[in-house]
């Protein structure tokens, strides 16, 4: 299969449709955050577009022109007072009304609203996932079922028990092995491969003290391999909605530094023109995203929800990076204004913004090249 065929196979029609739909909804809600934050403070919003490029449909409602544009790739919102305005002599200057007339904290609130919407969406989707599917169990080997007539039943092991240790040797927790349950089970099996006297340390739900269960063990009986007689419990445990929300907030807080680190690694690779870097395999461009969405769509709806969660979190963090042209870059300019006591000049702000846009364009090209070179 040549590279073009490989790319074509990765980008399935269903994956493309789902990608456009997900990105359209996510970016649309992001822009709605800016819209409502501006309107809340009395700032006029000139237009709101679903999609980019030539306008197909438009309608005026509540002082805003609502548009549907040709290219189904995101969208935009035009808030009065954010773009340069024309001076009486025909030159451009910094705006003085609308968004520009807001106090610094008001402008920061408008700029923060979009990323915050994506962050809240990520937490909400994660909460729904945890509520429906449960959370990863961070305990040790949990007994799901005890086989009738087995050594485990004779020892008094019960469903729900946690096997903490064998012969005083602690078994690893699932959280310590990144959700991989096999090492703990394999260790238990290997240790039970030794004949003789053994002791299981068991923690029973609702009991403060751990139980020590001693037994004699022979790996084979009458020439047949002997099994302890337990079936392991699920890798996840059910939680209530409040518990799911708490775990979602915790998981999101733990994920943000990892996302920032990934973007930092991507920038380092871009500056070094390292298109084959392995540090940021988890950061992808449009082809990688579409490929991932295609794989998720072929699995089930919850896989798509997890992709949507990651996209929301990534968009929120990326937009808050202090790069001119992004929400984070605009916030940085407002903070500089607060420290200086006056804003940058029109020429200075335009130079900074133009530099940021060129930087983002180069970043987009770099990520796209990385995506394509994976298939060569």
Protein backbone atom coordinates (compact mmCIF):
# COMPACT_ATOMS: atom_id res chain seq x y z
CA UNK A 1 0.00 0.00 0.00
CA UNK A 2 1.51 3.33 -1.04
CA UNK A 3 1.28 6.42 1.22
CA UNK A 4 -1.69 7.93 -0.61
CA UNK A 5 -3.62 4.69 -0.30
CA UNK A 6 -2.71 4.51 3.39
CA UNK A 7 -3.98 8.05 3.97
CA UNK A 8 -7.16 7.29 2.05
CA UNK A 9 -7.72 4.16 4.14
CA UNK A 10 -7.19 6.11 7.37
CA UNK A 11 -9.64 8.87 6.42
CA UNK A 12 -12.92 7.02 6.12
CA UNK A 13 -16.02 8.96 4.98
CA UNK A 14 -17.70 8.26 8.33
CA UNK A 15 -14.62 9.51 10.18
CA UNK A 16 -14.53 12.70 8.12
CA UNK A 17 -18.21 13.40 8.78
CA UNK A 18 -17.84 12.79 12.52
CA UNK A 19 -14.68 14.91 12.67
CA UNK A 20 -16.34 17.86 10.97
CA UNK A 21 -19.41 17.47 13.18
CA UNK A 22 -17.40 17.26 16.41
CA UNK A 23 -15.09 20.15 15.54
CA UNK A 24 -18.04 22.23 14.37
CA UNK A 25 -19.94 21.74 17.62
CA UNK A 26 -16.87 22.23 19.81
CA UNK A 27 -15.68 25.42 18.11
CA UNK A 28 -19.25 26.71 17.84
CA UNK A 29 -19.78 26.36 21.58
CA UNK A 30 -16.37 27.97 22.15
CA UNK A 31 -17.44 31.02 20.13
CA UNK A 32 -20.81 31.08 21.92
CA UNK A 33 -18.87 31.51 25.14
CA UNK A 34 -17.27 34.68 23.76
CA UNK A 35 -20.66 35.80 22.42
CA UNK A 36 -22.55 35.53 25.71
CA UNK A 37 -19.70 37.04 27.75
CA UNK A 38 -19.67 40.06 25.43
CA UNK A 39 -23.45 40.48 25.33
CA UNK A 40 -23.60 40.11 29.11
CA UNK A 41 -21.48 43.26 29.38
CA UNK A 42 -23.51 45.18 26.82
CA UNK A 43 -21.07 44.78 23.93
CA UNK A 44 -22.59 44.43 20.46
CA UNK A 45 -21.76 41.28 18.50
CA UNK A 46 -21.73 42.06 14.80
CA UNK A 47 -21.80 38.50 13.43
CA UNK A 48 -21.63 34.85 14.40
CA UNK A 49 -20.74 32.24 11.79
CA UNK A 50 -21.05 28.47 11.80
CA UNK A 51 -18.34 27.46 9.35
CA UNK A 52 -15.78 29.55 7.50
CA UNK A 53 -15.45 31.07 4.05
CA UNK A 54 -18.24 32.35 1.78
CA UNK A 55 -21.56 32.94 3.55
CA UNK A 56 -24.39 30.66 2.36
CA UNK A 57 -27.19 31.83 4.66
CA UNK A 58 -27.57 34.84 6.93
CA UNK A 59 -30.21 36.15 9.26
CA UNK A 60 -30.31 39.15 11.61
CA UNK A 61 -31.52 38.44 15.14
CA UNK A 62 -31.03 40.50 18.29
CA UNK A 63 -28.52 42.80 16.68
CA UNK A 64 -26.30 40.01 15.35
CA UNK A 65 -25.99 38.62 11.85
CA UNK A 66 -26.08 34.83 12.17
CA UNK A 67 -24.33 33.04 9.32
CA UNK A 68 -23.87 29.60 7.88
CA UNK A 69 -20.71 29.53 5.81
CA UNK A 70 -19.48 27.19 3.11
CA UNK A 71 -16.52 25.45 4.76
CA UNK A 72 -17.59 23.24 7.72
CA UNK A 73 -14.39 23.89 9.67
CA UNK A 74 -15.14 25.66 12.91
CA UNK A 75 -16.61 29.14 13.00
CA UNK A 76 -16.04 32.65 14.28
CA UNK A 77 -17.61 35.54 16.18
CA UNK A 78 -17.06 39.23 15.37
CA UNK A 79 -17.37 41.32 18.51
CA UNK A 80 -17.63 45.08 18.12
CA UNK A 81 -14.47 46.83 19.24
CA UNK A 82 -12.04 43.95 18.73
CA UNK A 83 -10.90 44.79 15.18
CA UNK A 84 -9.14 48.06 14.24
CA UNK A 85 -11.46 50.95 13.32
CA UNK A 86 -11.12 53.60 10.66
CA UNK A 87 -10.03 57.07 11.79
CA UNK A 88 -11.49 60.28 10.25
CA UNK A 89 -8.42 60.59 8.00
CA UNK A 90 -9.01 57.13 6.57
CA UNK A 91 -6.21 55.36 8.48
CA UNK A 92 -6.71 52.46 10.86
CA UNK A 93 -6.40 52.87 14.61
CA UNK A 94 -7.10 51.00 17.85
CA UNK A 95 -10.85 50.72 18.51
CA UNK A 96 -12.35 52.88 21.24
CA UNK A 97 -15.84 51.42 21.60
CA UNK A 98 -17.45 48.07 22.35
CA UNK A 99 -14.95 45.47 23.53
CA UNK A 100 -12.12 48.02 23.61
CA UNK A 101 -14.11 50.24 26.00
CA UNK A 102 -14.49 47.50 28.59
CA UNK A 103 -12.27 47.59 31.68
CA UNK A 104 -9.33 45.14 31.55
CA UNK A 105 -11.05 42.51 33.67
CA UNK A 106 -14.14 42.72 31.46
CA UNK A 107 -12.05 42.09 28.35
CA UNK A 108 -10.29 39.18 30.04
CA UNK A 109 -13.69 37.72 30.95
CA UNK A 110 -14.76 37.80 27.28
CA UNK A 111 -11.51 36.20 26.16
CA UNK A 112 -11.61 33.52 28.86
CA UNK A 113 -15.21 32.57 28.20
CA UNK A 114 -14.50 30.48 25.10
CA UNK A 115 -11.80 28.25 26.61
CA UNK A 116 -13.81 27.94 29.83
CA UNK A 117 -16.81 26.63 27.87
CA UNK A 118 -14.58 23.91 26.37
CA UNK A 119 -13.18 23.10 29.80
CA UNK A 120 -16.65 22.78 31.30
CA UNK A 121 -17.71 20.62 28.34
CA UNK A 122 -14.71 18.33 28.88
CA UNK A 123 -15.64 17.93 32.55
CA UNK A 124 -19.30 17.35 31.68
CA UNK A 125 -18.52 14.70 29.06
CA UNK A 126 -16.09 13.00 31.42
CA UNK A 127 -18.72 13.02 34.16
CA UNK A 128 -21.23 11.37 31.81
CA UNK A 129 -18.64 8.75 30.85
CA UNK A 130 -17.76 7.94 34.46
CA UNK A 131 -21.42 7.82 35.47
CA UNK A 132 -22.25 5.37 32.68
CA UNK A 133 -19.11 3.23 32.58
CA UNK A 134 -17.65 3.63 36.07
CA UNK A 135 -14.11 4.65 36.99
CA UNK A 136 -10.94 2.61 36.89
CA UNK A 137 -10.51 0.69 40.11
CA UNK A 138 -7.33 1.78 41.86
CA UNK A 139 -7.35 -1.13 44.29
CA UNK A 140 -5.41 -4.36 44.10
CA UNK A 141 -6.81 -7.61 42.77
CA UNK A 142 -10.51 -7.55 43.56
CA UNK A 143 -12.43 -10.81 43.70
CA UNK A 144 -15.48 -10.83 41.43
CA UNK A 145 -16.62 -14.40 41.98
CA UNK A 146 -15.55 -17.45 44.00
CA UNK A 147 -15.84 -20.86 42.31
CA UNK A 148 -17.91 -23.34 44.30
CA UNK A 149 -15.85 -26.11 45.93
CA UNK A 150 -12.56 -24.35 45.17
CA UNK A 151 -9.63 -23.75 47.58
CA UNK A 152 -10.69 -20.07 47.64
CA UNK A 153 -14.15 -21.00 48.94
CA UNK A 154 -12.66 -23.26 51.60
CA UNK A 155 -10.41 -20.37 52.70
CA UNK A 156 -13.46 -18.14 53.16
CA UNK A 157 -12.64 -15.68 50.37
CA UNK A 158 -15.71 -13.68 49.33
CA UNK A 159 -16.65 -11.59 46.28
CA UNK A 160 -15.50 -8.02 46.80
CA UNK A 161 -12.40 -8.98 48.79
CA UNK A 162 -9.11 -7.36 47.79
CA UNK A 163 -6.04 -9.60 47.72
CA UNK A 164 -3.39 -7.27 49.14
CA UNK A 165 -0.39 -9.57 49.46
CA UNK A 166 0.81 -13.15 49.14
CA UNK A 167 3.31 -14.38 51.73
CA UNK A 168 3.78 -10.77 52.83
CA UNK A 169 4.72 -9.59 49.34
CA UNK A 170 2.46 -6.72 48.26
CA UNK A 171 0.68 -7.10 44.96
CA UNK A 172 0.75 -3.94 42.84
CA UNK A 173 -2.24 -1.66 42.72
CA UNK A 174 -3.90 -1.10 39.38
CA UNK A 175 -3.15 2.62 39.66
CA UNK A 176 0.54 1.83 40.06
CA UNK A 177 0.63 -0.11 36.82
CA UNK A 178 -1.33 2.36 34.69
CA UNK A 179 -4.52 0.35 34.67
CA UNK A 180 -2.75 -2.79 33.45
CA UNK A 181 -4.20 -5.57 35.60
CA UNK A 182 -2.13 -8.44 34.24
CA UNK A 183 1.12 -7.86 36.21
CA UNK A 184 -0.63 -8.24 39.55
CA UNK A 185 -2.48 -11.35 38.43
CA UNK A 186 0.64 -12.84 36.89
CA UNK A 187 2.59 -12.23 40.09
CA UNK A 188 -0.10 -14.00 42.09
CA UNK A 189 -0.05 -16.94 39.67
CA UNK A 190 3.74 -17.21 39.71
CA UNK A 191 3.92 -17.19 43.50
CA UNK A 192 1.22 -19.83 43.76
CA UNK A 193 3.34 -21.95 41.48
CA UNK A 194 5.54 -22.77 44.47
CA UNK A 195 4.26 -25.69 46.60
CA UNK A 196 4.11 -25.34 50.36
CA UNK A 197 2.59 -23.11 53.02
CA UNK A 198 1.25 -19.75 51.81
CA UNK A 199 -0.56 -16.82 53.39
CA UNK A 200 -2.95 -14.47 51.62
CA UNK A 201 -3.51 -10.99 53.03
CA UNK A 202 -7.10 -9.99 52.27
CA UNK A 203 -8.91 -6.69 52.86
CA UNK A 204 -12.65 -7.07 53.24
CA UNK A 205 -15.00 -4.17 52.65
CA UNK A 206 -16.16 -2.59 55.89
CA UNK A 207 -13.41 -4.17 58.00
CA UNK A 208 -10.54 -2.14 59.39
CA UNK A 209 -8.23 -5.11 59.94
CA UNK A 210 -6.83 -7.19 57.13
CA UNK A 211 -7.32 -10.96 57.25
CA UNK A 212 -4.41 -13.40 57.07
CA UNK A 213 -5.50 -16.63 55.37
CA UNK A 214 -2.93 -19.45 55.65
CA UNK A 215 -3.17 -22.58 53.52
CA UNK A 216 -1.14 -25.43 52.11
CA UNK A 217 -0.76 -25.39 48.37
CA UNK A 218 0.18 -27.88 45.68
CA UNK A 219 0.35 -26.61 42.08
CA UNK A 220 -0.95 -29.91 40.76
CA UNK A 221 -3.42 -32.44 42.18
CA UNK A 222 -3.65 -35.91 40.61
CA UNK A 223 -1.61 -34.63 37.68
CA UNK A 224 -3.94 -31.70 37.00
CA UNK A 225 -3.12 -28.03 37.56
CA UNK A 226 -4.85 -26.65 40.63
CA UNK A 227 -6.48 -23.21 40.53
CA UNK A 228 -7.22 -20.98 43.50
CA UNK A 229 -10.79 -20.60 42.27
CA UNK A 230 -11.44 -16.88 41.99
CA UNK A 231 -12.63 -14.83 39.06
CA UNK A 232 -11.34 -11.30 39.10
CA UNK A 233 -13.62 -8.34 39.46
CA UNK A 234 -14.09 -5.63 36.81
CA UNK A 235 -11.40 -3.08 36.04
CA UNK A 236 -13.92 -0.34 36.82
CA UNK A 237 -16.28 0.36 39.69
CA UNK A 238 -19.64 2.18 39.46
CA UNK A 239 -19.90 5.68 40.94
CA UNK A 240 -22.69 8.15 41.62
CA UNK A 241 -23.01 11.35 39.59
CA UNK A 242 -21.46 13.54 42.35
CA UNK A 243 -18.57 11.08 42.64
CA UNK A 244 -18.20 11.05 38.85
CA UNK A 245 -18.11 14.85 38.83
CA UNK A 246 -15.41 14.90 41.50
CA UNK A 247 -13.32 12.36 39.61
CA UNK A 248 -13.83 14.33 36.39
CA UNK A 249 -12.57 17.57 37.93
CA UNK A 250 -9.59 15.70 39.38
CA UNK A 251 -8.80 13.95 36.08
CA UNK A 252 -9.08 17.23 34.15
CA UNK A 253 -6.78 19.03 36.58
CA UNK A 254 -4.24 16.23 36.25
CA UNK A 255 -4.52 16.23 32.45
CA UNK A 256 -3.96 19.95 31.87
CA UNK A 257 -0.20 19.86 32.69
CA UNK A 258 0.18 16.83 30.39
CA UNK A 259 -1.54 18.66 27.52
CA UNK A 260 0.66 21.73 28.11
CA UNK A 261 3.73 19.49 28.10
CA UNK A 262 2.65 17.91 24.81
CA UNK A 263 2.18 21.31 23.18
CA UNK A 264 5.55 22.41 24.57
CA UNK A 265 7.18 19.36 23.01
CA UNK A 266 5.47 20.13 19.70
CA UNK A 267 6.88 23.67 19.73
CA UNK A 268 10.38 22.36 20.45
CA UNK A 269 10.11 19.96 17.54
CA UNK A 270 8.85 22.75 15.30
CA UNK A 271 11.74 25.06 16.14
CA UNK A 272 14.20 22.23 15.49
CA UNK A 273 12.27 21.15 12.35
CA UNK A 274 12.09 17.64 13.75
CA UNK A 275 9.14 16.23 11.81
CA UNK A 276 9.80 12.67 13.01
CA UNK A 277 9.99 13.41 16.72
CA UNK A 278 8.55 10.76 19.03
CA UNK A 279 8.05 13.10 21.99
CA UNK A 280 4.66 14.28 20.76
CA UNK A 281 3.10 11.23 19.12
CA UNK A 282 -0.08 12.07 21.01
CA UNK A 283 -0.36 15.47 19.29
CA UNK A 284 -1.87 15.26 15.83
CA UNK A 285 -3.12 17.47 13.05
CA UNK A 286 -6.25 17.13 10.90
CA UNK A 287 -5.26 13.77 9.41
CA UNK A 288 -4.35 12.27 12.77
CA UNK A 289 -7.52 13.61 14.38
CA UNK A 290 -9.72 12.28 11.58
CA UNK A 291 -7.98 8.90 11.74
CA UNK A 292 -8.57 8.70 15.49
CA UNK A 293 -12.21 9.74 15.14
CA UNK A 294 -12.66 7.11 12.40
CA UNK A 295 -11.37 4.42 14.74
CA UNK A 296 -13.60 5.64 17.56
CA UNK A 297 -16.68 5.78 15.33
CA UNK A 298 -16.09 2.15 14.39
CA UNK A 299 -16.16 1.16 18.08
CA UNK A 300 -19.08 2.78 19.88
CA UNK A 301 -20.63 6.06 20.94
CA UNK A 302 -18.67 6.24 24.19
CA UNK A 303 -15.41 6.14 22.26
CA UNK A 304 -16.57 9.22 20.37
CA UNK A 305 -17.51 10.90 23.65
CA UNK A 306 -13.99 10.30 24.92
CA UNK A 307 -12.53 11.82 21.73
CA UNK A 308 -14.83 14.83 22.14
CA UNK A 309 -13.63 15.19 25.73
CA UNK A 310 -10.00 15.23 24.64
CA UNK A 311 -10.70 17.68 21.81
CA UNK A 312 -12.46 20.09 24.19
CA UNK A 313 -9.62 19.91 26.69
CA UNK A 314 -6.98 20.36 23.98
CA UNK A 315 -8.80 23.34 22.44
CA UNK A 316 -9.19 25.01 25.84
CA UNK A 317 -5.53 24.62 26.76
CA UNK A 318 -4.21 25.53 23.30
CA UNK A 319 -6.29 28.71 23.14
CA UNK A 320 -4.95 29.84 26.51
CA UNK A 321 -1.31 29.59 25.42
CA UNK A 322 0.19 33.13 25.41
CA UNK A 323 0.63 33.18 21.64
CA UNK A 324 -0.53 36.33 19.81
CA UNK A 325 -3.59 35.54 17.74
CA UNK A 326 -5.00 33.14 20.35
CA UNK A 327 -7.21 34.03 23.31
CA UNK A 328 -4.22 33.55 25.59
CA UNK A 329 -2.17 36.00 23.52
CA UNK A 330 -4.91 38.63 23.73
CA UNK A 331 -5.15 38.09 27.48
CA UNK A 332 -1.36 38.58 27.70
CA UNK A 333 -1.72 41.94 25.91
CA UNK A 334 -4.40 43.05 28.38
CA UNK A 335 -2.18 42.03 31.31
CA UNK A 336 0.73 43.98 29.79
CA UNK A 337 -1.58 46.99 29.51
CA UNK A 338 -2.52 46.64 33.19
CA UNK A 339 1.16 46.53 34.19
CA UNK A 340 2.17 49.46 31.96
CA UNK A 341 -0.85 51.57 32.78
CA UNK A 342 -1.58 52.11 29.07
CA UNK A 343 -2.00 49.84 26.03
CA UNK A 344 0.48 49.17 23.27
CA UNK A 345 0.36 51.51 20.31
CA UNK A 346 -1.63 50.48 17.26
CA UNK A 347 1.56 49.73 15.33
CA UNK A 348 2.98 47.65 18.18
CA UNK A 349 -0.19 45.63 18.64
CA UNK A 350 -0.52 45.02 14.90
CA UNK A 351 3.10 43.86 14.68
CA UNK A 352 2.65 41.47 17.62
CA UNK A 353 -0.61 40.09 16.22
CA UNK A 354 0.81 39.65 12.71
CA UNK A 355 3.82 37.82 14.12
CA UNK A 356 1.55 35.53 16.11
CA UNK A 357 -0.62 34.72 13.09
CA UNK A 358 2.44 33.88 10.98
CA UNK A 359 3.69 31.69 13.81
CA UNK A 360 0.35 29.85 13.99
CA UNK A 361 0.30 29.35 10.21
CA UNK A 362 3.79 27.87 10.35
CA UNK A 363 2.71 25.63 13.23
CA UNK A 364 -0.30 24.41 11.24
CA UNK A 365 1.88 23.59 8.24
CA UNK A 366 4.40 21.81 10.46
CA UNK A 367 1.72 19.67 12.12
CA UNK A 368 0.21 18.80 8.73
CA UNK A 369 3.64 17.76 7.40
CA UNK A 370 4.16 15.57 10.50
CA UNK A 371 0.78 13.96 9.85
CA UNK A 372 1.61 13.17 6.24
CA UNK A 373 5.15 11.90 6.84
CA UNK A 374 3.81 9.17 9.14
CA UNK A 375 2.58 7.39 6.03
CA UNK A 376 5.94 7.48 4.20
